[in-house]
Amino acid sequence: MAVKPITGMLRRTLITDLALGLGIGFVMGNAFWYGYHMPRTNARDNYYIKLEAERAAKAQE
């Protein structure tokens, strides 16, 4: 009872796993960056711009 040699299966699996891992990682990284990080950073920057404008207006009075 001979077992057929498994040829190319490891390479195909490795390439599939790497492609899926990198693809999903890239998508999730972009989702975090543009879905959470950038909106929070822009909100923080807008808050400090508004705060600085209020301080400048108060200093001119």
C-alpha atoms as a PDB file:
ATOM      1  CA  MET A   1       0.000   0.000   0.000  1.00  0.00           C
ATOM      2  CA  ALA A   2       1.987   2.918  -1.325  1.00  0.00           C
ATOM      3  CA  VAL A   3       1.166   6.504  -0.435  1.00  0.00           C
ATOM      4  CA  LYS A   4       1.130   9.031  -3.258  1.00  0.00           C
ATOM      5  CA  PRO A   5       3.795  11.698  -2.866  1.00  0.00           C
ATOM      6  CA  ILE A   6       2.444  15.110  -1.961  1.00  0.00           C
ATOM      7  CA  THR A   7       4.021  17.411  -4.506  1.00  0.00           C
ATOM      8  CA  GLY A   8       3.428  21.129  -4.623  1.00  0.00           C
ATOM      9  CA  MET A   9       0.878  21.038  -1.825  1.00  0.00           C
ATOM     10  CA  LEU A  10       3.156  22.610   0.793  1.00  0.00           C
ATOM     11  CA  ARG A  11       4.227  25.369  -1.568  1.00  0.00           C
ATOM     12  CA  ARG A  12       0.623  26.096  -2.607  1.00  0.00           C
ATOM     13  CA  THR A  13      -0.506  26.180   1.027  1.00  0.00           C
ATOM     14  CA  LEU A  14       2.390  28.426   2.028  1.00  0.00           C
ATOM     15  CA  ILE A  15       1.707  30.891  -0.772  1.00  0.00           C
ATOM     16  CA  THR A  16      -2.019  30.914   0.032  1.00  0.00           C
ATOM     17  CA  ASP A  17      -1.386  31.457   3.743  1.00  0.00           C
ATOM     18  CA  LEU A  18       1.090  34.265   3.111  1.00  0.00           C
ATOM     19  CA  ALA A  19      -1.168  35.974   0.588  1.00  0.00           C
ATOM     20  CA  LEU A  20      -4.192  35.777   2.877  1.00  0.00           C
ATOM     21  CA  GLY A  21      -2.233  36.898   5.918  1.00  0.00           C
ATOM     22  CA  LEU A  22      -0.681  39.883   4.176  1.00  0.00           C
ATOM     23  CA  GLY A  23      -3.932  40.816   2.440  1.00  0.00           C
ATOM     24  CA  ILE A  24      -6.033  40.652   5.591  1.00  0.00           C
ATOM     25  CA  GLY A  25      -3.314  42.463   7.550  1.00  0.00           C
ATOM     26  CA  PHE A  26      -3.208  45.263   4.990  1.00  0.00           C
ATOM     27  CA  VAL A  27      -7.000  45.631   4.965  1.00  0.00           C
ATOM     28  CA  MET A  28      -7.254  45.630   8.772  1.00  0.00           C
ATOM     29  CA  GLY A  29      -4.345  48.076   9.072  1.00  0.00           C
ATOM     30  CA  ASN A  30      -6.050  50.495   6.692  1.00  0.00           C
ATOM     31  CA  ALA A  31      -9.366  50.047   8.495  1.00  0.00           C
ATOM     32  CA  PHE A  32      -7.707  50.986  11.793  1.00  0.00           C
ATOM     33  CA  TRP A  33      -5.699  53.859  10.320  1.00  0.00           C
ATOM     34  CA  TYR A  34      -8.464  55.539   8.331  1.00  0.00           C
ATOM     35  CA  GLY A  35     -11.434  54.379  10.421  1.00  0.00           C
ATOM     36  CA  TYR A  36     -10.129  55.124  13.925  1.00  0.00           C
ATOM     37  CA  HIS A  37      -6.721  56.792  14.054  1.00  0.00           C
ATOM     38  CA  MET A  38      -7.168  59.587  11.511  1.00  0.00           C
ATOM     39  CA  PRO A  39     -10.628  60.729  12.723  1.00  0.00           C
ATOM     40  CA  ARG A  40      -9.375  60.832  16.329  1.00  0.00           C
ATOM     41  CA  THR A  41      -6.224  62.713  15.291  1.00  0.00           C
ATOM     42  CA  ASN A  42      -8.240  65.236  13.279  1.00  0.00           C
ATOM     43  CA  ALA A  43     -10.675  65.731  16.167  1.00  0.00           C
ATOM     44  CA  ARG A  44      -7.768  66.334  18.552  1.00  0.00           C
ATOM     45  CA  ASP A  45      -6.084  68.767  16.166  1.00  0.00           C
ATOM     46  CA  ASN A  46      -9.355  70.672  15.609  1.00  0.00           C
ATOM     47  CA  TYR A  47      -9.846  70.920  19.377  1.00  0.00           C
ATOM     48  CA  TYR A  48      -6.406  72.429  19.879  1.00  0.00           C
ATOM     49  CA  ILE A  49      -6.864  74.818  16.938  1.00  0.00           C
ATOM     50  CA  LYS A  50     -10.154  76.012  18.465  1.00  0.00           C
ATOM     51  CA  LEU A  51      -8.550  76.317  21.912  1.00  0.00           C
ATOM     52  CA  GLU A  52      -5.649  78.344  20.519  1.00  0.00           C
ATOM     53  CA  ALA A  53      -8.059  80.656  18.636  1.00  0.00           C
ATOM     54  CA  GLU A  54     -10.010  81.250  21.874  1.00  0.00           C
ATOM     55  CA  ARG A  55      -6.800  82.045  23.739  1.00  0.00           C
ATOM     56  CA  ALA A  56      -5.679  84.428  20.996  1.00  0.00           C
ATOM     57  CA  ALA A  57      -9.058  86.177  21.002  1.00  0.00           C
ATOM     58  CA  LYS A  58      -8.978  86.480  24.800  1.00  0.00           C
ATOM     59  CA  ALA A  59      -5.415  87.875  24.675  1.00  0.00           C
ATOM     60  CA  GLN A  60      -6.418  90.613  22.203  1.00  0.00           C
ATOM     61  CA  GLU A  61      -9.207  91.939  24.416  1.00  0.00           C
END
